[in-house]
PDB file of N, CA and C in Angstrom:
ATOM      1  N   UNK A   1      10.823 229.797  -8.383  1.00  0.00           N
ATOM      2  CA  UNK A   1       9.910 230.363  -7.417  1.00  0.00           C
ATOM      3  C   UNK A   1       9.117 231.448  -8.121  1.00  0.00           C
ATOM      4  N   UNK A   2       7.831 231.423  -8.000  1.00  0.00           N
ATOM      5  CA  UNK A   2       7.005 232.400  -8.700  1.00  0.00           C
ATOM      6  C   UNK A   2       5.954 232.978  -7.764  1.00  0.00           C
ATOM      7  N   UNK A   3       6.373 233.930  -6.961  1.00  0.00           N
ATOM      8  CA  UNK A   3       5.424 234.596  -6.073  1.00  0.00           C
ATOM      9  C   UNK A   3       4.517 235.527  -6.866  1.00  0.00           C
ATOM     10  N   UNK A   4       5.080 236.133  -7.896  1.00  0.00           N
ATOM     11  CA  UNK A   4       4.426 237.229  -8.582  1.00  0.00           C
ATOM     12  C   UNK A   4       3.272 236.791  -9.479  1.00  0.00           C
ATOM     13  N   UNK A   5       3.545 235.997 -10.501  1.00  0.00           N
ATOM     14  CA  UNK A   5       2.498 235.633 -11.455  1.00  0.00           C
ATOM     15  C   UNK A   5       1.388 234.825 -10.794  1.00  0.00           C
ATOM     16  N   UNK A   6       1.768 233.946  -9.878  1.00  0.00           N
ATOM     17  CA  UNK A   6       0.763 233.107  -9.230  1.00  0.00           C
ATOM     18  C   UNK A   6      -0.012 233.833  -8.138  1.00  0.00           C
ATOM     19  N   UNK A   7       0.657 234.736  -7.422  1.00  0.00           N
ATOM     20  CA  UNK A   7       0.014 235.320  -6.236  1.00  0.00           C
ATOM     21  C   UNK A   7      -0.011 236.839  -6.253  1.00  0.00           C
ATOM     22  N   UNK A   8       1.090 237.465  -6.599  1.00  0.00           N
ATOM     23  CA  UNK A   8       1.178 238.922  -6.522  1.00  0.00           C
ATOM     24  C   UNK A   8       0.233 239.631  -7.470  1.00  0.00           C
ATOM     25  N   UNK A   9       0.329 239.320  -8.771  1.00  0.00           N
ATOM     26  CA  UNK A   9      -0.552 239.960  -9.744  1.00  0.00           C
ATOM     27  C   UNK A   9      -1.986 239.475  -9.607  1.00  0.00           C
ATOM     28  N   UNK A  10      -2.192 238.383  -8.932  1.00  0.00           N
ATOM     29  CA  UNK A  10      -3.547 237.875  -8.698  1.00  0.00           C
ATOM     30  C   UNK A  10      -4.152 238.490  -7.436  1.00  0.00           C
ATOM     31  N   UNK A  11      -3.354 239.312  -6.750  1.00  0.00           N
ATOM     32  CA  UNK A  11      -3.790 239.983  -5.520  1.00  0.00           C
ATOM     33  C   UNK A  11      -4.320 238.976  -4.510  1.00  0.00           C
ATOM     34  N   UNK A  12      -3.502 237.970  -4.256  1.00  0.00           N
ATOM     35  CA  UNK A  12      -3.864 236.898  -3.330  1.00  0.00           C
ATOM     36  C   UNK A  12      -2.851 236.872  -2.187  1.00  0.00           C
ATOM     37  N   UNK A  13      -3.034 237.704  -1.159  1.00  0.00           N
ATOM     38  CA  UNK A  13      -2.043 237.756  -0.082  1.00  0.00           C
ATOM     39  C   UNK A  13      -1.925 236.455   0.702  1.00  0.00           C
ATOM     40  N   UNK A  14      -2.993 235.678   0.783  1.00  0.00           N
ATOM     41  CA  UNK A  14      -2.915 234.399   1.504  1.00  0.00           C
ATOM     42  C   UNK A  14      -2.033 233.425   0.724  1.00  0.00           C
ATOM     43  N   UNK A  15      -2.271 233.283  -0.578  1.00  0.00           N
ATOM     44  CA  UNK A  15      -1.429 232.426  -1.406  1.00  0.00           C
ATOM     45  C   UNK A  15       0.009 232.907  -1.426  1.00  0.00           C
ATOM     46  N   UNK A  16       0.195 234.223  -1.458  1.00  0.00           N
ATOM     47  CA  UNK A  16       1.530 234.827  -1.441  1.00  0.00           C
ATOM     48  C   UNK A  16       2.262 234.433  -0.164  1.00  0.00           C
ATOM     49  N   UNK A  17       1.582 234.548   0.977  1.00  0.00           N
ATOM     50  CA  UNK A  17       2.180 234.173   2.263  1.00  0.00           C
ATOM     51  C   UNK A  17       2.507 232.694   2.337  1.00  0.00           C
ATOM     52  N   UNK A  18       1.599 231.851   1.830  1.00  0.00           N
ATOM     53  CA  UNK A  18       1.848 230.404   1.832  1.00  0.00           C
ATOM     54  C   UNK A  18       3.045 230.057   0.954  1.00  0.00           C
ATOM     55  N   UNK A  19       3.182 230.743  -0.180  1.00  0.00           N
ATOM     56  CA  UNK A  19       4.324 230.497  -1.072  1.00  0.00           C
ATOM     57  C   UNK A  19       5.632 230.914  -0.403  1.00  0.00           C
ATOM     58  N   UNK A  20       5.610 232.004   0.334  1.00  0.00           N
ATOM     59  CA  UNK A  20       6.796 232.430   1.078  1.00  0.00           C
ATOM     60  C   UNK A  20       7.180 231.366   2.106  1.00  0.00           C
ATOM     61  N   UNK A  21       6.199 230.787   2.787  1.00  0.00           N
ATOM     62  CA  UNK A  21       6.491 229.725   3.761  1.00  0.00           C
ATOM     63  C   UNK A  21       7.110 228.504   3.081  1.00  0.00           C
ATOM     64  N   UNK A  22       6.563 228.106   1.916  1.00  0.00           N
ATOM     65  CA  UNK A  22       7.137 226.964   1.175  1.00  0.00           C
ATOM     66  C   UNK A  22       8.570 227.267   0.751  1.00  0.00           C
ATOM     67  N   UNK A  23       8.777 228.466   0.237  1.00  0.00           N
ATOM     68  CA  UNK A  23      10.113 228.871  -0.190  1.00  0.00           C
ATOM     69  C   UNK A  23      11.080 228.876   0.989  1.00  0.00           C
ATOM     70  N   UNK A  24      10.647 229.381   2.119  1.00  0.00           N
ATOM     71  CA  UNK A  24      11.495 229.454   3.309  1.00  0.00           C
ATOM     72  C   UNK A  24      11.973 228.063   3.730  1.00  0.00           C
ATOM     73  N   UNK A  25      11.094 227.085   3.676  1.00  0.00           N
ATOM     74  CA  UNK A  25      11.491 225.707   4.024  1.00  0.00           C
ATOM     75  C   UNK A  25      12.535 225.177   3.042  1.00  0.00           C
ATOM     76  N   UNK A  26      12.307 225.391   1.755  1.00  0.00           N
ATOM     77  CA  UNK A  26      13.255 224.919   0.739  1.00  0.00           C
ATOM     78  C   UNK A  26      14.585 225.656   0.838  1.00  0.00           C
ATOM     79  N   UNK A  27      14.540 226.943   1.139  1.00  0.00           N
ATOM     80  CA  UNK A  27      15.771 227.708   1.302  1.00  0.00           C
ATOM     81  C   UNK A  27      16.586 227.148   2.461  1.00  0.00           C
ATOM     82  N   UNK A  28      15.926 226.787   3.544  1.00  0.00           N
ATOM     83  CA  UNK A  28      16.624 226.168   4.673  1.00  0.00           C
ATOM     84  C   UNK A  28      17.333 224.889   4.268  1.00  0.00           C
ATOM     85  N   UNK A  29      16.675 224.076   3.431  1.00  0.00           N
ATOM     86  CA  UNK A  29      17.299 222.840   2.948  1.00  0.00           C
ATOM     87  C   UNK A  29      18.538 223.155   2.110  1.00  0.00           C
ATOM     88  N   UNK A  30      18.459 224.176   1.273  1.00  0.00           N
ATOM     89  CA  UNK A  30      19.605 224.575   0.449  1.00  0.00           C
ATOM     90  C   UNK A  30      20.760 225.058   1.322  1.00  0.00           C
ATOM     91  N   UNK A  31      20.474 225.916   2.277  1.00  0.00           N
ATOM     92  CA  UNK A  31      21.530 226.466   3.130  1.00  0.00           C
ATOM     93  C   UNK A  31      22.243 225.372   3.915  1.00  0.00           C
ATOM     94  N   UNK A  32      21.518 224.313   4.248  1.00  0.00           N
ATOM     95  CA  UNK A  32      22.115 223.200   5.001  1.00  0.00           C
ATOM     96  C   UNK A  32      23.194 222.455   4.224  1.00  0.00           C
ATOM     97  N   UNK A  33      23.168 222.527   2.893  1.00  0.00           N
ATOM     98  CA  UNK A  33      24.125 221.748   2.091  1.00  0.00           C
ATOM     99  C   UNK A  33      25.163 222.614   1.370  1.00  0.00           C
ATOM    100  N   UNK A  34      25.175 223.903   1.648  1.00  0.00           N
ATOM    101  CA  UNK A  34      26.155 224.776   0.992  1.00  0.00           C
ATOM    102  C   UNK A  34      27.571 224.472   1.453  1.00  0.00           C
ATOM    103  N   UNK A  35      28.494 224.557   0.503  1.00  0.00           N
ATOM    104  CA  UNK A  35      29.920 224.452   0.833  1.00  0.00           C
ATOM    105  C   UNK A  35      30.450 225.840   1.167  1.00  0.00           C
ATOM    106  N   UNK A  36      31.619 225.886   1.754  1.00  0.00           N
ATOM    107  CA  UNK A  36      32.217 227.142   2.209  1.00  0.00           C
ATOM    108  C   UNK A  36      32.369 228.165   1.078  1.00  0.00           C
ATOM    109  N   UNK A  37      32.618 227.691  -0.151  1.00  0.00           N
ATOM    110  CA  UNK A  37      32.840 228.634  -1.254  1.00  0.00           C
ATOM    111  C   UNK A  37      31.597 228.868  -2.119  1.00  0.00           C
ATOM    112  N   UNK A  38      30.444 228.354  -1.706  1.00  0.00           N
ATOM    113  CA  UNK A  38      29.201 228.600  -2.442  1.00  0.00           C
ATOM    114  C   UNK A  38      28.670 229.997  -2.131  1.00  0.00           C
ATOM    115  N   UNK A  39      27.945 230.560  -3.082  1.00  0.00           N
ATOM    116  CA  UNK A  39      27.322 231.866  -2.914  1.00  0.00           C
ATOM    117  C   UNK A  39      25.886 231.775  -3.415  1.00  0.00           C
ATOM    118  N   UNK A  40      24.948 232.183  -2.591  1.00  0.00           N
ATOM    119  CA  UNK A  40      23.533 232.234  -2.966  1.00  0.00           C
ATOM    120  C   UNK A  40      23.138 233.702  -3.061  1.00  0.00           C
ATOM    121  N   UNK A  41      22.509 234.061  -4.170  1.00  0.00           N
ATOM    122  CA  UNK A  41      21.990 235.413  -4.341  1.00  0.00           C
ATOM    123  C   UNK A  41      20.495 235.303  -4.600  1.00  0.00           C
ATOM    124  N   UNK A  42      19.719 236.013  -3.808  1.00  0.00           N
ATOM    125  CA  UNK A  42      18.269 236.071  -3.986  1.00  0.00           C
ATOM    126  C   UNK A  42      17.907 237.479  -4.437  1.00  0.00           C
ATOM    127  N   UNK A  43      17.124 237.565  -5.491  1.00  0.00           N
ATOM    128  CA  UNK A  43      16.702 238.868  -5.990  1.00  0.00           C
ATOM    129  C   UNK A  43      15.374 238.709  -6.719  1.00  0.00           C
ATOM    130  N   UNK A  44      14.901 239.757  -7.329  1.00  0.00           N
ATOM    131  CA  UNK A  44      13.639 239.737  -8.065  1.00  0.00           C
ATOM    132  C   UNK A  44      13.699 240.800  -9.154  1.00  0.00           C
ATOM    133  N   UNK A  45      12.749 240.759 -10.058  1.00  0.00           N
ATOM    134  CA  UNK A  45      12.746 241.772 -11.113  1.00  0.00           C
ATOM    135  C   UNK A  45      12.001 243.037 -10.698  1.00  0.00           C
ATOM    136  N   UNK A  46      11.178 242.949  -9.676  1.00  0.00           N
ATOM    137  CA  UNK A  46      10.484 244.121  -9.138  1.00  0.00           C
ATOM    138  C   UNK A  46       9.796 243.723  -7.843  1.00  0.00           C
ATOM    139  N   UNK A  47       9.432 244.706  -7.073  1.00  0.00           N
ATOM    140  CA  UNK A  47       8.662 244.438  -5.864  1.00  0.00           C
ATOM    141  C   UNK A  47       7.198 244.254  -6.225  1.00  0.00           C
ATOM    142  N   UNK A  48       6.414 243.730  -5.296  1.00  0.00           N
ATOM    143  CA  UNK A  48       4.995 243.569  -5.560  1.00  0.00           C
ATOM    144  C   UNK A  48       4.242 243.433  -4.249  1.00  0.00           C
ATOM    145  N   UNK A  49       3.287 244.289  -4.047  1.00  0.00           N
ATOM    146  CA  UNK A  49       2.427 244.245  -2.869  1.00  0.00           C
ATOM    147  C   UNK A  49       1.120 243.571  -3.271  1.00  0.00           C
ATOM    148  N   UNK A  50       0.844 242.348  -2.789  1.00  0.00           N
ATOM    149  CA  UNK A  50      -0.359 241.639  -3.226  1.00  0.00           C
ATOM    150  C   UNK A  50      -1.658 242.264  -2.722  1.00  0.00           C
ATOM    151  N   UNK A  51      -1.581 243.258  -1.845  1.00  0.00           N
ATOM    152  CA  UNK A  51      -2.805 243.913  -1.372  1.00  0.00           C
ATOM    153  C   UNK A  51      -3.091 245.211  -2.126  1.00  0.00           C
ATOM    154  N   UNK A  52      -2.179 245.614  -3.023  1.00  0.00           N
ATOM    155  CA  UNK A  52      -2.342 246.845  -3.801  1.00  0.00           C
ATOM    156  C   UNK A  52      -3.414 246.639  -4.860  1.00  0.00           C
ATOM    157  N   UNK A  53      -4.285 247.608  -5.032  1.00  0.00           N
ATOM    158  CA  UNK A  53      -5.351 247.501  -6.030  1.00  0.00           C
ATOM    159  C   UNK A  53      -4.765 247.788  -7.412  1.00  0.00           C
ATOM    160  N   UNK A  54      -5.075 246.938  -8.379  1.00  0.00           N
ATOM    161  CA  UNK A  54      -4.573 247.115  -9.736  1.00  0.00           C
ATOM    162  C   UNK A  54      -3.590 246.018 -10.095  1.00  0.00           C
ATOM    163  N   UNK A  55      -3.109 246.052 -11.340  1.00  0.00           N
ATOM    164  CA  UNK A  55      -2.194 245.003 -11.803  1.00  0.00           C
ATOM    165  C   UNK A  55      -0.799 245.520 -12.112  1.00  0.00           C
ATOM    166  N   UNK A  56      -0.550 246.800 -11.907  1.00  0.00           N
ATOM    167  CA  UNK A  56       0.776 247.352 -12.171  1.00  0.00           C
ATOM    168  C   UNK A  56       1.741 247.010 -11.050  1.00  0.00           C
ATOM    169  N   UNK A  57       3.019 247.148 -11.365  1.00  0.00           N
ATOM    170  CA  UNK A  57       4.039 246.955 -10.332  1.00  0.00           C
ATOM    171  C   UNK A  57       3.878 248.031  -9.273  1.00  0.00           C
ATOM    172  N   UNK A  58       4.280 247.695  -8.076  1.00  0.00           N
ATOM    173  CA  UNK A  58       4.076 248.625  -6.968  1.00  0.00           C
ATOM    174  C   UNK A  58       5.377 249.300  -6.573  1.00  0.00           C
ATOM    175  N   UNK A  59       5.392 249.908  -5.441  1.00  0.00           N
ATOM    176  CA  UNK A  59       6.436 250.831  -5.026  1.00  0.00           C
ATOM    177  C   UNK A  59       7.616 250.207  -4.302  1.00  0.00           C
ATOM    178  N   UNK A  60       7.637 248.915  -4.130  1.00  0.00           N
ATOM    179  CA  UNK A  60       8.691 248.282  -3.342  1.00  0.00           C
ATOM    180  C   UNK A  60      10.030 248.316  -4.064  1.00  0.00           C
ATOM    181  N   UNK A  61      11.057 248.286  -3.294  1.00  0.00           N
ATOM    182  CA  UNK A  61      12.417 248.177  -3.838  1.00  0.00           C
ATOM    183  C   UNK A  61      12.701 246.707  -4.140  1.00  0.00           C
ATOM    184  N   UNK A  62      13.632 246.464  -5.036  1.00  0.00           N
ATOM    185  CA  UNK A  62      14.008 245.102  -5.417  1.00  0.00           C
ATOM    186  C   UNK A  62      14.986 244.546  -4.382  1.00  0.00           C
ATOM    187  N   UNK A  63      14.723 243.338  -3.880  1.00  0.00           N
ATOM    188  CA  UNK A  63      15.645 242.765  -2.891  1.00  0.00           C
ATOM    189  C   UNK A  63      16.929 242.252  -3.538  1.00  0.00           C
ATOM    190  N   UNK A  64      18.000 242.326  -2.800  1.00  0.00           N
ATOM    191  CA  UNK A  64      19.265 241.692  -3.168  1.00  0.00           C
ATOM    192  C   UNK A  64      19.828 241.129  -1.877  1.00  0.00           C
ATOM    193  N   UNK A  65      19.747 239.820  -1.747  1.00  0.00           N
ATOM    194  CA  UNK A  65      20.230 239.140  -0.545  1.00  0.00           C
ATOM    195  C   UNK A  65      21.307 238.163  -0.979  1.00  0.00           C
ATOM    196  N   UNK A  66      22.464 238.254  -0.370  1.00  0.00           N
ATOM    197  CA  UNK A  66      23.575 237.358  -0.696  1.00  0.00           C
ATOM    198  C   UNK A  66      23.997 236.629   0.568  1.00  0.00           C
ATOM    199  N   UNK A  67      24.325 235.334   0.396  1.00  0.00           N
ATOM    200  CA  UNK A  67      24.791 234.549   1.540  1.00  0.00           C
ATOM    201  C   UNK A  67      25.816 233.519   1.081  1.00  0.00           C
ATOM    202  N   UNK A  68      26.829 233.341   1.888  1.00  0.00           N
ATOM    203  CA  UNK A  68      27.815 232.279   1.721  1.00  0.00           C
ATOM    204  C   UNK A  68      28.240 231.836   3.111  1.00  0.00           C
ATOM    205  N   UNK A  69      28.480 230.540   3.310  1.00  0.00           N
ATOM    206  CA  UNK A  69      29.001 230.108   4.607  1.00  0.00           C
ATOM    207  C   UNK A  69      30.310 230.803   4.972  1.00  0.00           C
ATOM    208  N   UNK A  70      31.033 231.311   3.972  1.00  0.00           N
ATOM    209  CA  UNK A  70      32.295 231.998   4.260  1.00  0.00           C
ATOM    210  C   UNK A  70      32.089 233.416   4.795  1.00  0.00           C
ATOM    211  N   UNK A  71      30.883 233.940   4.696  1.00  0.00           N
ATOM    212  CA  UNK A  71      30.604 235.279   5.221  1.00  0.00           C
ATOM    213  C   UNK A  71      30.538 235.213   6.737  1.00  0.00           C
ATOM    214  N   UNK A  72      31.197 236.129   7.382  1.00  0.00           N
ATOM    215  CA  UNK A  72      31.280 236.092   8.842  1.00  0.00           C
ATOM    216  C   UNK A  72      30.367 237.080   9.542  1.00  0.00           C
ATOM    217  N   UNK A  73      29.843 238.045   8.821  1.00  0.00           N
ATOM    218  CA  UNK A  73      28.920 238.978   9.457  1.00  0.00           C
ATOM    219  C   UNK A  73      27.911 239.465   8.436  1.00  0.00           C
ATOM    220  N   UNK A  74      26.771 239.883   8.922  1.00  0.00           N
ATOM    221  CA  UNK A  74      25.745 240.418   8.049  1.00  0.00           C
ATOM    222  C   UNK A  74      25.889 241.920   7.918  1.00  0.00           C
ATOM    223  N   UNK A  75      25.049 242.510   7.128  1.00  0.00           N
ATOM    224  CA  UNK A  75      25.083 243.954   6.970  1.00  0.00           C
ATOM    225  C   UNK A  75      24.149 244.400   5.868  1.00  0.00           C
ATOM    226  N   UNK A  76      24.091 245.673   5.671  1.00  0.00           N
ATOM    227  CA  UNK A  76      23.276 246.262   4.616  1.00  0.00           C
ATOM    228  C   UNK A  76      24.177 246.802   3.520  1.00  0.00           C
ATOM    229  N   UNK A  77      23.798 246.517   2.290  1.00  0.00           N
ATOM    230  CA  UNK A  77      24.541 247.025   1.138  1.00  0.00           C
ATOM    231  C   UNK A  77      24.022 248.405   0.766  1.00  0.00           C
ATOM    232  N   UNK A  78      24.875 249.236   0.192  1.00  0.00           N
ATOM    233  CA  UNK A  78      24.381 250.531  -0.290  1.00  0.00           C
ATOM    234  C   UNK A  78      23.406 250.319  -1.449  1.00  0.00           C
ATOM    235  N   UNK A  79      22.444 251.206  -1.571  1.00  0.00           N
ATOM    236  CA  UNK A  79      21.475 251.120  -2.657  1.00  0.00           C
ATOM    237  C   UNK A  79      22.194 251.274  -3.990  1.00  0.00           C
ATOM    238  N   UNK A  80      21.805 250.455  -4.966  1.00  0.00           N
ATOM    239  CA  UNK A  80      22.413 250.480  -6.294  1.00  0.00           C
ATOM    240  C   UNK A  80      21.436 251.105  -7.286  1.00  0.00           C
ATOM    241  N   UNK A  81      21.954 251.593  -8.392  1.00  0.00           N
ATOM    242  CA  UNK A  81      21.129 252.275  -9.388  1.00  0.00           C
ATOM    243  C   UNK A  81      20.750 251.395 -10.581  1.00  0.00           C
ATOM    244  N   UNK A  82      21.271 250.162 -10.626  1.00  0.00           N
ATOM    245  CA  UNK A  82      21.028 249.318 -11.789  1.00  0.00           C
ATOM    246  C   UNK A  82      21.087 247.838 -11.414  1.00  0.00           C
ATOM    247  N   UNK A  83      20.290 247.047 -12.134  1.00  0.00           N
ATOM    248  CA  UNK A  83      20.353 245.591 -11.985  1.00  0.00           C
ATOM    249  C   UNK A  83      21.682 245.037 -12.488  1.00  0.00           C
ATOM    250  N   UNK A  84      22.395 245.809 -13.301  1.00  0.00           N
ATOM    251  CA  UNK A  84      23.656 245.337 -13.884  1.00  0.00           C
ATOM    252  C   UNK A  84      24.673 244.966 -12.815  1.00  0.00           C
ATOM    253  N   UNK A  85      24.534 245.517 -11.633  1.00  0.00           N
ATOM    254  CA  UNK A  85      25.415 245.171 -10.513  1.00  0.00           C
ATOM    255  C   UNK A  85      25.306 243.675 -10.200  1.00  0.00           C
ATOM    256  N   UNK A  86      24.116 243.131 -10.327  1.00  0.00           N
ATOM    257  CA  UNK A  86      23.912 241.711 -10.025  1.00  0.00           C
ATOM    258  C   UNK A  86      24.688 240.845 -11.011  1.00  0.00           C
ATOM    259  N   UNK A  87      24.534 241.111 -12.300  1.00  0.00           N
ATOM    260  CA  UNK A  87      25.253 240.346 -13.312  1.00  0.00           C
ATOM    261  C   UNK A  87      26.757 240.474 -13.170  1.00  0.00           C
ATOM    262  N   UNK A  88      27.225 241.695 -12.922  1.00  0.00           N
ATOM    263  CA  UNK A  88      28.667 241.916 -12.762  1.00  0.00           C
ATOM    264  C   UNK A  88      29.204 241.184 -11.535  1.00  0.00           C
ATOM    265  N   UNK A  89      28.416 241.131 -10.474  1.00  0.00           N
ATOM    266  CA  UNK A  89      28.832 240.436  -9.252  1.00  0.00           C
ATOM    267  C   UNK A  89      28.888 238.929  -9.473  1.00  0.00           C
ATOM    268  N   UNK A  90      27.911 238.390 -10.172  1.00  0.00           N
ATOM    269  CA  UNK A  90      27.915 236.954 -10.480  1.00  0.00           C
ATOM    270  C   UNK A  90      29.112 236.616 -11.367  1.00  0.00           C
ATOM    271  N   UNK A  91      29.353 237.424 -12.392  1.00  0.00           N
ATOM    272  CA  UNK A  91      30.508 237.188 -13.269  1.00  0.00           C
ATOM    273  C   UNK A  91      31.802 237.220 -12.465  1.00  0.00           C
ATOM    274  N   UNK A  92      31.948 238.194 -11.593  1.00  0.00           N
ATOM    275  CA  UNK A  92      33.142 238.312 -10.756  1.00  0.00           C
ATOM    276  C   UNK A  92      33.307 237.079  -9.873  1.00  0.00           C
ATOM    277  N   UNK A  93      32.221 236.589  -9.326  1.00  0.00           N
ATOM    278  CA  UNK A  93      32.276 235.401  -8.471  1.00  0.00           C
ATOM    279  C   UNK A  93      32.847 234.195  -9.217  1.00  0.00           C
ATOM    280  N   UNK A  94      32.565 234.115 -10.518  1.00  0.00           N
ATOM    281  CA  UNK A  94      33.058 232.995 -11.325  1.00  0.00           C
ATOM    282  C   UNK A  94      34.345 233.330 -12.074  1.00  0.00           C
ATOM    283  N   UNK A  95      34.918 234.500 -11.795  1.00  0.00           N
ATOM    284  CA  UNK A  95      36.178 234.876 -12.431  1.00  0.00           C
ATOM    285  C   UNK A  95      36.041 235.282 -13.881  1.00  0.00           C
ATOM    286  N   UNK A  96      34.858 235.703 -14.296  1.00  0.00           N
ATOM    287  CA  UNK A  96      34.616 236.117 -15.673  1.00  0.00           C
ATOM    288  C   UNK A  96      34.765 237.635 -15.761  1.00  0.00           C
ATOM    289  N   UNK A  97      35.616 238.098 -16.662  1.00  0.00           N
ATOM    290  CA  UNK A  97      35.792 239.538 -16.847  1.00  0.00           C
ATOM    291  C   UNK A  97      34.635 240.096 -17.662  1.00  0.00           C
ATOM    292  N   UNK A  98      34.140 241.234 -17.225  1.00  0.00           N
ATOM    293  CA  UNK A  98      33.056 241.891 -17.950  1.00  0.00           C
ATOM    294  C   UNK A  98      33.640 242.655 -19.133  1.00  0.00           C
ATOM    295  N   UNK A  99      32.937 242.696 -20.262  1.00  0.00           N
ATOM    296  CA  UNK A  99      33.423 243.439 -21.426  1.00  0.00           C
ATOM    297  C   UNK A  99      33.566 244.930 -21.108  1.00  0.00           C
ATOM    298  N   UNK A 100      34.506 245.568 -21.769  1.00  0.00           N
ATOM    299  CA  UNK A 100      34.698 247.007 -21.586  1.00  0.00           C
ATOM    300  C   UNK A 100      33.413 247.745 -21.932  1.00  0.00           C
ATOM    301  N   UNK A 101      33.088 248.753 -21.150  1.00  0.00           N
ATOM    302  CA  UNK A 101      31.887 249.547 -21.388  1.00  0.00           C
ATOM    303  C   UNK A 101      30.627 248.958 -20.784  1.00  0.00           C
ATOM    304  N   UNK A 102      30.755 247.847 -20.080  1.00  0.00           N
ATOM    305  CA  UNK A 102      29.595 247.218 -19.455  1.00  0.00           C
ATOM    306  C   UNK A 102      29.019 248.135 -18.380  1.00  0.00           C
ATOM    307  N   UNK A 103      27.712 248.217 -18.343  1.00  0.00           N
ATOM    308  CA  UNK A 103      27.044 248.970 -17.277  1.00  0.00           C
ATOM    309  C   UNK A 103      27.075 248.115 -16.018  1.00  0.00           C
ATOM    310  N   UNK A 104      27.314 248.719 -14.897  1.00  0.00           N
ATOM    311  CA  UNK A 104      27.319 247.991 -13.628  1.00  0.00           C
ATOM    312  C   UNK A 104      28.720 247.603 -13.208  1.00  0.00           C
ATOM    313  N   UNK A 105      28.841 247.304 -11.945  1.00  0.00           N
ATOM    314  CA  UNK A 105      30.131 246.928 -11.363  1.00  0.00           C
ATOM    315  C   UNK A 105      29.889 245.848 -10.313  1.00  0.00           C
ATOM    316  N   UNK A 106      30.906 245.086 -10.035  1.00  0.00           N
ATOM    317  CA  UNK A 106      30.795 244.020  -9.042  1.00  0.00           C
ATOM    318  C   UNK A 106      30.809 244.603  -7.632  1.00  0.00           C
ATOM    319  N   UNK A 107      29.999 244.024  -6.772  1.00  0.00           N
ATOM    320  CA  UNK A 107      30.033 244.373  -5.349  1.00  0.00           C
ATOM    321  C   UNK A 107      30.463 243.158  -4.520  1.00  0.00           C
ATOM    322  N   UNK A 108      31.086 242.188  -5.198  1.00  0.00           N
ATOM    323  CA  UNK A 108      31.500 240.954  -4.524  1.00  0.00           C
ATOM    324  C   UNK A 108      32.391 241.233  -3.318  1.00  0.00           C
ATOM    325  N   UNK A 109      33.287 242.182  -3.434  1.00  0.00           N
ATOM    326  CA  UNK A 109      34.239 242.448  -2.348  1.00  0.00           C
ATOM    327  C   UNK A 109      33.584 243.028  -1.099  1.00  0.00           C
ATOM    328  N   UNK A 110      32.378 243.582  -1.223  1.00  0.00           N
ATOM    329  CA  UNK A 110      31.730 244.128  -0.023  1.00  0.00           C
ATOM    330  C   UNK A 110      30.640 243.214   0.523  1.00  0.00           C
ATOM    331  N   UNK A 111      30.478 242.045  -0.092  1.00  0.00           N
ATOM    332  CA  UNK A 111      29.487 241.096   0.435  1.00  0.00           C
ATOM    333  C   UNK A 111      30.000 240.455   1.704  1.00  0.00           C
TER     334      UNK A 111
END
């Protein structure tokens, strides 16, 4: 999925919105076939407002959305200080131990 290079940095809010609609349909198809132990994580490398003037990254926070059919309730996660939390959480989900001194920690238990 490429909202940013195709639409965000091109400052095309209409194309950006259409891409979100296409993604939303495909995401629905994915969610329909998930097994109980599957985990989907949606994130990005930075936020981007397609109506902002200029080509630099904008002021938005980076999304982190996690879903599994085994999750019984939704909620908000505390704000994190590093992307390393994402990698550590994915590793934890697959039972992979992170090397000593690794930046970041798993938040799998609070998802």
